[in-house]
């Protein structure tokens, strides 16, 4: 690699106690107590759907298509705890990583649309993978019911401290004078970081060499070690390294500045017109979710995003809580699909 870039209240079904109900009422009361104990709440609620059937009538499965411990997993567990308290049923987070999130998304796409299975979907599952993989096993529009956009996570352009560029403009100038172009790391072919690099490459008309890794974590580790000069990473994972001075942040990739690094310009402010890329995640149900169930889920999830503990945990890893309407979320997804279909095609990225 060239060295040109280097520089130094109530329980459900407490039932009547009348003589006619007797044993049935006692059984219901015991069941209610058991459920309350399982979900750790003293005031679970039961919701009646239009059909008159109680919902939820059993535990809710909340599929996270990525490994435990990441932003999507943490968010699902925070929201799931809140839903369990409100619904009086356990919410079981089920991590199903694989195929860039498509494996877990496909499981939900095939599930019954009765409201007992949810997905914490993301940019990859609904806007990138359908154009990156030959087949993901689902249609990102037809097979899902969008419920709400949970959060946006800005991406940030970061460089190793030894890179002789303290601004996006200087970095572009450096790339133009570097034989073969600057290398940039990413979490893999077709990842958000890869596509952000391709967008910079095409917009600024510079040569950049993509170095894909098996995940953003090892890519960032090599950036910190000085093995690669630059990368686009989500703010959640890059922020600790930026604050520690191990990497230098040049700009965020969203149209607005991040409240976490308010002094940092956007890519557009730095002179790269039309640059708008962020990582996002939100809650989906399978297709055919009853309107009453959709409304209740939307209301309770959005309410949970207003709980200080939940907001604090989300913002702690660089996320900006949203809580959009289902219609706004659906429109947002369509716009993202249009954007990333173009980017994936331009990048030539493909995954087997």
Protein backbone atom coordinates (compact mmCIF):
# COMPACT_ATOMS: atom_id res chain seq x y z
CA UNK A 1 0.00 0.00 0.00
CA UNK A 2 1.28 3.51 -0.80
CA UNK A 3 2.59 5.64 2.05
CA UNK A 4 1.36 8.92 0.53
CA UNK A 5 -1.41 9.17 3.15
CA UNK A 6 0.89 8.82 6.16
CA UNK A 7 1.86 11.59 8.56
CA UNK A 8 3.12 11.64 11.94
CA UNK A 9 -52.32 -1.96 39.18
CA UNK A 10 -54.42 -4.98 37.91
CA UNK A 11 -53.77 -8.59 36.95
CA UNK A 12 -55.58 -9.88 33.86
CA UNK A 13 -58.53 -12.22 34.27
CA UNK A 14 -58.71 -11.99 38.03
CA UNK A 15 -62.09 -13.40 37.13
CA UNK A 16 -65.29 -13.40 39.14
CA UNK A 17 -65.55 -15.50 42.19
CA UNK A 18 -69.15 -16.46 41.70
CA UNK A 19 -70.45 -19.89 42.23
CA UNK A 20 -71.05 -20.54 38.51
CA UNK A 21 -67.46 -19.77 37.53
CA UNK A 22 -65.74 -21.50 40.46
CA UNK A 23 -62.81 -23.52 39.23
CA UNK A 24 -62.53 -21.67 35.92
CA UNK A 25 -62.13 -18.34 37.69
CA UNK A 26 -59.49 -19.76 40.01
CA UNK A 27 -57.55 -21.16 37.06
CA UNK A 28 -57.69 -17.82 35.25
CA UNK A 29 -56.51 -15.99 38.35
CA UNK A 30 -53.58 -18.34 38.79
CA UNK A 31 -52.66 -17.97 35.12
CA UNK A 32 -52.79 -14.18 35.44
CA UNK A 33 -50.49 -14.26 38.45
CA UNK A 34 -48.07 -16.57 36.64
CA UNK A 35 -47.94 -14.34 33.58
CA UNK A 36 -47.36 -11.25 35.72
CA UNK A 37 -44.49 -13.02 37.46
CA UNK A 38 -42.93 -14.04 34.15
CA UNK A 39 -42.94 -10.55 32.65
CA UNK A 40 -42.13 -8.81 35.91
CA UNK A 41 -45.11 -6.43 35.95
CA UNK A 42 -47.99 -5.77 38.31
CA UNK A 43 -50.21 -4.09 35.73
CA UNK A 44 -50.36 -6.09 32.49
CA UNK A 45 -53.10 -5.22 30.05
CA UNK A 46 -55.12 -7.33 27.65
CA UNK A 47 -56.06 -5.92 24.28
CA UNK A 48 -59.14 -7.10 22.36
CA UNK A 49 -58.80 -7.06 18.58
CA UNK A 50 -61.69 -6.37 16.21
CA UNK A 51 -62.53 -10.04 16.11
CA UNK A 52 -63.05 -10.04 19.86
CA UNK A 53 -60.08 -12.36 20.42
CA UNK A 54 -57.59 -11.30 23.08
CA UNK A 55 -54.24 -10.12 21.75
CA UNK A 56 -51.58 -10.97 22.54
CA UNK A 57 -52.72 -14.41 23.60
CA UNK A 58 -49.23 -15.91 23.91
CA UNK A 59 -45.60 -14.73 24.10
CA UNK A 60 -44.41 -12.37 21.36
CA UNK A 61 -41.33 -13.40 19.39
CA UNK A 62 -39.12 -10.42 18.53
CA UNK A 63 -36.59 -11.48 15.89
CA UNK A 64 -33.30 -9.59 15.70
CA UNK A 65 -31.44 -10.65 12.53
CA UNK A 66 -28.02 -9.81 13.97
CA UNK A 67 -25.90 -11.09 16.89
CA UNK A 68 -26.63 -10.19 20.50
CA UNK A 69 -25.00 -7.09 21.94
CA UNK A 70 -25.32 -4.72 18.99
CA UNK A 71 -27.52 -1.61 18.72
CA UNK A 72 -30.45 -3.51 17.18
CA UNK A 73 -30.33 -6.19 19.86
CA UNK A 74 -30.12 -3.68 22.71
CA UNK A 75 -32.96 -1.64 21.25
CA UNK A 76 -35.17 -4.71 20.81
CA UNK A 77 -34.60 -5.74 24.42
CA UNK A 78 -35.40 -2.26 25.72
CA UNK A 79 -38.60 -2.07 23.67
CA UNK A 80 -39.47 -5.70 24.40
CA UNK A 81 -39.29 -5.13 28.15
CA UNK A 82 -41.69 -2.21 27.83
CA UNK A 83 -44.12 -4.18 25.62
CA UNK A 84 -44.11 -7.10 28.06
CA UNK A 85 -45.12 -4.76 30.85
CA UNK A 86 -47.92 -3.25 28.78
CA UNK A 87 -49.27 -6.43 27.20
CA UNK A 88 -48.94 -8.91 30.05
CA UNK A 89 -47.11 -11.41 27.87
CA UNK A 90 -43.39 -12.20 27.62
CA UNK A 91 -41.54 -10.67 24.67
CA UNK A 92 -38.79 -13.08 23.69
CA UNK A 93 -35.87 -11.63 21.71
CA UNK A 94 -34.67 -14.21 19.18
CA UNK A 95 -31.27 -13.47 17.59
CA UNK A 96 -31.08 -15.00 14.10
CA UNK A 97 -27.95 -13.61 12.39
CA UNK A 98 -26.87 -14.60 8.90
CA UNK A 99 -26.79 -13.43 5.29
CA UNK A 100 -26.46 -9.80 6.30
CA UNK A 101 -29.67 -9.96 8.34
CA UNK A 102 -31.71 -11.64 5.61
CA UNK A 103 -32.01 -14.96 7.44
CA UNK A 104 -33.94 -13.48 10.34
CA UNK A 105 -36.00 -11.25 8.07
CA UNK A 106 -37.05 -14.25 5.99
CA UNK A 107 -38.25 -16.05 9.14
CA UNK A 108 -40.57 -13.16 9.97
CA UNK A 109 -41.75 -12.86 6.37
CA UNK A 110 -43.02 -16.46 6.59
CA UNK A 111 -44.65 -16.02 10.02
CA UNK A 112 -48.34 -15.57 10.68
CA UNK A 113 -49.50 -11.97 10.58
CA UNK A 114 -51.36 -12.26 13.89
CA UNK A 115 -49.08 -9.90 15.80
CA UNK A 116 -47.13 -12.51 17.75
CA UNK A 117 -43.97 -12.22 15.62
CA UNK A 118 -42.01 -8.99 15.10
CA UNK A 119 -38.78 -8.04 13.36
CA UNK A 120 -36.21 -5.41 14.20
CA UNK A 121 -35.35 -4.74 10.58
CA UNK A 122 -32.69 -2.41 9.27
CA UNK A 123 -31.17 -0.67 6.29
CA UNK A 124 -29.52 -3.91 5.20
CA UNK A 125 -32.62 -6.14 5.42
CA UNK A 126 -34.99 -3.80 3.58
CA UNK A 127 -32.97 -1.45 1.38
CA UNK A 128 -29.64 -3.09 0.53
CA UNK A 129 -29.77 -6.90 0.64
CA UNK A 130 -32.58 -7.30 -1.92
CA UNK A 131 -30.25 -5.69 -4.49
CA UNK A 132 -27.06 -7.26 -3.20
CA UNK A 133 -27.98 -10.95 -2.99
CA UNK A 134 -29.39 -13.10 -5.82
CA UNK A 135 -32.25 -14.06 -3.48
CA UNK A 136 -33.02 -13.09 0.11
CA UNK A 137 -36.12 -15.28 0.43
CA UNK A 138 -38.61 -12.43 0.88
CA UNK A 139 -40.01 -9.31 -0.73
CA UNK A 140 -39.10 -6.31 1.46
CA UNK A 141 -42.40 -4.54 0.68
CA UNK A 142 -44.98 -7.26 0.02
CA UNK A 143 -44.02 -9.54 2.93
CA UNK A 144 -43.95 -7.01 5.80
CA UNK A 145 -46.04 -4.47 7.67
CA UNK A 146 -43.92 -1.43 8.64
CA UNK A 147 -44.74 -0.34 12.21
CA UNK A 148 -42.29 2.42 13.09
CA UNK A 149 -38.80 3.71 12.41
CA UNK A 150 -37.05 3.33 15.77
CA UNK A 151 -33.83 5.24 15.21
CA UNK A 152 -31.31 6.68 12.79
CA UNK A 153 -27.59 6.23 13.37
CA UNK A 154 -25.45 8.68 11.38
CA UNK A 155 -22.37 7.35 9.66
CA UNK A 156 -19.14 9.23 10.06
CA UNK A 157 -16.06 9.52 7.85
CA UNK A 158 -13.03 8.74 9.99
CA UNK A 159 -9.32 8.59 9.19
CA UNK A 160 -6.23 7.43 11.02
CA UNK A 161 -4.53 10.33 12.86
CA UNK A 162 -1.46 9.97 10.62
CA UNK A 163 -3.45 10.81 7.48
CA UNK A 164 -2.42 14.20 6.11
CA UNK A 165 -5.97 15.55 5.90
CA UNK A 166 -7.98 17.41 8.50
CA UNK A 167 -11.05 18.00 6.31
CA UNK A 168 -13.05 16.27 3.60
CA UNK A 169 -11.71 18.74 1.04
CA UNK A 170 -8.13 17.92 2.03
CA UNK A 171 -8.87 14.19 1.95
CA UNK A 172 -10.27 14.43 -1.58
CA UNK A 173 -7.20 16.38 -2.67
CA UNK A 174 -4.97 13.74 -1.07
CA UNK A 175 -6.83 10.93 -2.85
CA UNK A 176 -6.28 12.68 -6.18
CA UNK A 177 -2.53 12.78 -5.62
CA UNK A 178 -2.20 9.25 -4.22
CA UNK A 179 -1.12 6.68 -6.83
CA UNK A 180 -3.85 4.08 -7.16
CA UNK A 181 -6.13 5.98 -4.80
CA UNK A 182 -6.66 5.84 -1.04
CA UNK A 183 -7.85 2.59 0.50
CA UNK A 184 -10.99 2.57 2.60
CA UNK A 185 -12.13 -0.21 4.91
CA UNK A 186 -15.69 -1.44 5.36
CA UNK A 187 -17.60 -4.17 7.16
CA UNK A 188 -18.02 -6.07 3.89
CA UNK A 189 -19.12 -5.86 0.30
CA UNK A 190 -22.46 -4.05 0.09
CA UNK A 191 -22.30 -2.78 3.67
CA UNK A 192 -23.31 0.77 4.49
CA UNK A 193 -19.65 1.73 4.82
CA UNK A 194 -18.85 0.24 1.42
CA UNK A 195 -21.71 2.06 -0.28
CA UNK A 196 -20.80 5.34 1.41
CA UNK A 197 -17.29 4.99 0.03
CA UNK A 198 -18.65 4.28 -3.43
CA UNK A 199 -20.88 7.35 -3.18
CA UNK A 200 -17.88 9.52 -2.27
CA UNK A 201 -15.90 7.96 -5.09
CA UNK A 202 -18.55 8.73 -7.71
CA UNK A 203 -19.61 12.12 -6.34
CA UNK A 204 -16.13 13.56 -5.80
CA UNK A 205 -14.69 11.71 -8.80
CA UNK A 206 -11.74 10.24 -6.93
CA UNK A 207 -10.08 6.84 -6.93
CA UNK A 208 -10.70 4.85 -3.76
CA UNK A 209 -9.76 1.22 -3.19
CA UNK A 210 -12.28 -0.83 -1.23
CA UNK A 211 -10.90 -3.15 1.47
CA UNK A 212 -13.76 -5.34 2.74
CA UNK A 213 -13.63 -6.99 6.16
CA UNK A 214 -15.84 -9.59 7.81
CA UNK A 215 -17.64 -7.02 9.91
CA UNK A 216 -17.22 -3.38 10.85
CA UNK A 217 -15.46 -4.18 14.16
CA UNK A 218 -12.31 -5.72 12.60
CA UNK A 219 -12.30 -2.96 9.97
CA UNK A 220 -12.30 -0.30 12.68
CA UNK A 221 -9.61 -2.20 14.60
CA UNK A 222 -7.32 -2.09 11.57
CA UNK A 223 -8.07 1.60 11.08
CA UNK A 224 -7.08 2.29 14.68
CA UNK A 225 -3.90 0.24 14.11
CA UNK A 226 -3.05 2.26 11.01
CA UNK A 227 -3.40 -0.66 8.58
CA UNK A 228 -5.92 1.28 6.49
CA UNK A 229 -6.22 5.06 6.21
CA UNK A 230 -9.98 5.66 6.28
CA UNK A 231 -13.47 4.25 6.53
CA UNK A 232 -17.12 5.19 6.92
CA UNK A 233 -18.46 3.72 10.14
CA UNK A 234 -21.68 4.18 12.07
CA UNK A 235 -21.35 6.80 14.75
CA UNK A 236 -22.33 4.33 17.48
CA UNK A 237 -19.14 2.29 17.12
CA UNK A 238 -16.80 5.07 15.96
CA UNK A 239 -17.66 7.63 18.64
CA UNK A 240 -15.58 6.09 21.49
CA UNK A 241 -12.53 5.93 19.19
CA UNK A 242 -13.08 9.52 18.05
CA UNK A 243 -13.34 10.77 21.64
CA UNK A 244 -10.23 8.81 22.61
CA UNK A 245 -8.28 10.40 19.74
CA UNK A 246 -7.51 7.06 18.09
CA UNK A 247 -9.22 8.15 14.86
CA UNK A 248 -10.02 11.58 13.46
CA UNK A 249 -13.59 12.36 12.37
CA UNK A 250 -14.00 14.55 9.28
CA UNK A 251 -17.76 14.66 8.65
CA UNK A 252 -21.08 12.95 9.28
CA UNK A 253 -22.96 11.53 6.32
CA UNK A 254 -26.45 12.82 7.16
CA UNK A 255 -27.99 16.13 5.99
CA UNK A 256 -28.02 17.43 9.58
CA UNK A 257 -25.17 17.59 12.05
CA UNK A 258 -25.16 15.05 14.86
CA UNK A 259 -25.93 16.27 18.38
CA UNK A 260 -23.16 13.94 19.56
CA UNK A 261 -20.50 15.78 17.53
CA UNK A 262 -22.14 19.14 16.81
CA UNK A 263 -18.87 20.72 15.74
CA UNK A 264 -18.45 18.17 12.94
CA UNK A 265 -19.73 19.28 9.51
CA UNK A 266 -21.94 17.17 7.27
CA UNK A 267 -20.53 15.80 4.03
CA UNK A 268 -22.75 18.28 2.20
CA UNK A 269 -21.40 21.18 4.24
CA UNK A 270 -17.91 19.90 3.46
CA UNK A 271 -18.59 20.27 -0.26
CA UNK A 272 -19.91 16.85 -1.33
CA UNK A 273 -23.36 17.72 -2.67
CA UNK A 274 -26.27 15.33 -2.15
CA UNK A 275 -24.41 13.04 0.26
CA UNK A 276 -26.98 11.41 2.56
CA UNK A 277 -26.36 7.98 4.07
CA UNK A 278 -27.25 6.69 7.52
CA UNK A 279 -27.83 3.41 9.27
CA UNK A 280 -31.38 2.96 10.53
CA UNK A 281 -33.54 0.32 12.13
CA UNK A 282 -37.23 -0.13 12.81
CA UNK A 283 -39.95 -2.58 13.78
CA UNK A 284 -41.89 -4.66 11.25
CA UNK A 285 -44.59 -7.28 11.45
CA UNK A 286 -45.39 -9.88 8.80
CA UNK A 287 -47.77 -8.89 6.03
CA UNK A 288 -51.45 -8.79 6.94
CA UNK A 289 -51.08 -7.43 10.46
CA UNK A 290 -54.61 -6.47 11.68
CA UNK A 291 -55.11 -2.72 11.86
CA UNK A 292 -56.02 -2.82 15.55
CA UNK A 293 -52.86 -4.76 16.37
CA UNK A 294 -50.78 -2.43 14.19
CA UNK A 295 -52.21 0.64 15.90
CA UNK A 296 -51.58 -0.75 19.38
CA UNK A 297 -48.04 -1.89 18.58
CA UNK A 298 -47.23 1.46 17.01
CA UNK A 299 -48.57 3.41 19.95
CA UNK A 300 -46.80 1.34 22.59
CA UNK A 301 -43.45 1.25 20.75
CA UNK A 302 -43.49 5.00 20.12
CA UNK A 303 -44.43 5.57 23.77
CA UNK A 304 -41.50 3.37 24.82
CA UNK A 305 -39.12 5.60 22.88
CA UNK A 306 -40.16 8.48 25.12
CA UNK A 307 -39.21 6.66 28.32
CA UNK A 308 -36.04 8.38 29.64
CA UNK A 309 -34.23 5.11 30.31
CA UNK A 310 -34.89 3.89 26.76
CA UNK A 311 -33.93 7.20 25.13
CA UNK A 312 -30.77 7.43 27.23
CA UNK A 313 -29.66 3.94 26.23
CA UNK A 314 -30.36 4.59 22.55
CA UNK A 315 -28.54 7.90 22.50
CA UNK A 316 -25.63 6.41 24.45
CA UNK A 317 -24.57 4.51 21.33
CA UNK A 318 -25.14 7.38 18.91
CA UNK A 319 -28.70 6.62 17.87
CA UNK A 320 -31.29 9.32 17.28
CA UNK A 321 -34.75 7.98 18.35
CA UNK A 322 -37.51 8.63 15.80
CA UNK A 323 -40.90 6.91 16.28
CA UNK A 324 -42.51 7.56 12.87
CA UNK A 325 -46.02 6.61 11.76
CA UNK A 326 -46.43 3.37 9.77
CA UNK A 327 -47.22 5.39 6.62
CA UNK A 328 -44.17 7.61 7.04
CA UNK A 329 -41.99 4.55 7.69
CA UNK A 330 -43.28 2.86 4.53
CA UNK A 331 -42.56 5.98 2.45
CA UNK A 332 -39.09 6.24 3.98
CA UNK A 333 -38.33 2.61 3.06
CA UNK A 334 -39.41 3.17 -0.55
CA UNK A 335 -37.08 6.16 -0.83
CA UNK A 336 -34.21 4.18 0.70
CA UNK A 337 -34.77 1.30 -1.72
CA UNK A 338 -34.58 3.67 -4.69
CA UNK A 339 -31.35 5.19 -3.36
CA UNK A 340 -29.60 1.92 -2.57
CA UNK A 341 -30.70 0.10 -5.70
CA UNK A 342 -28.79 2.78 -7.59
CA UNK A 343 -25.78 2.67 -5.26
CA UNK A 344 -25.47 -1.11 -5.26
CA UNK A 345 -25.63 -1.17 -9.05
CA UNK A 346 -23.04 1.60 -9.36
CA UNK A 347 -20.72 -0.11 -6.89
CA UNK A 348 -20.87 -3.44 -8.67
CA UNK A 349 -21.17 -5.11 -5.27
CA UNK A 350 -22.57 -8.62 -5.23
CA UNK A 351 -22.85 -11.24 -2.52
CA UNK A 352 -23.13 -14.95 -3.19
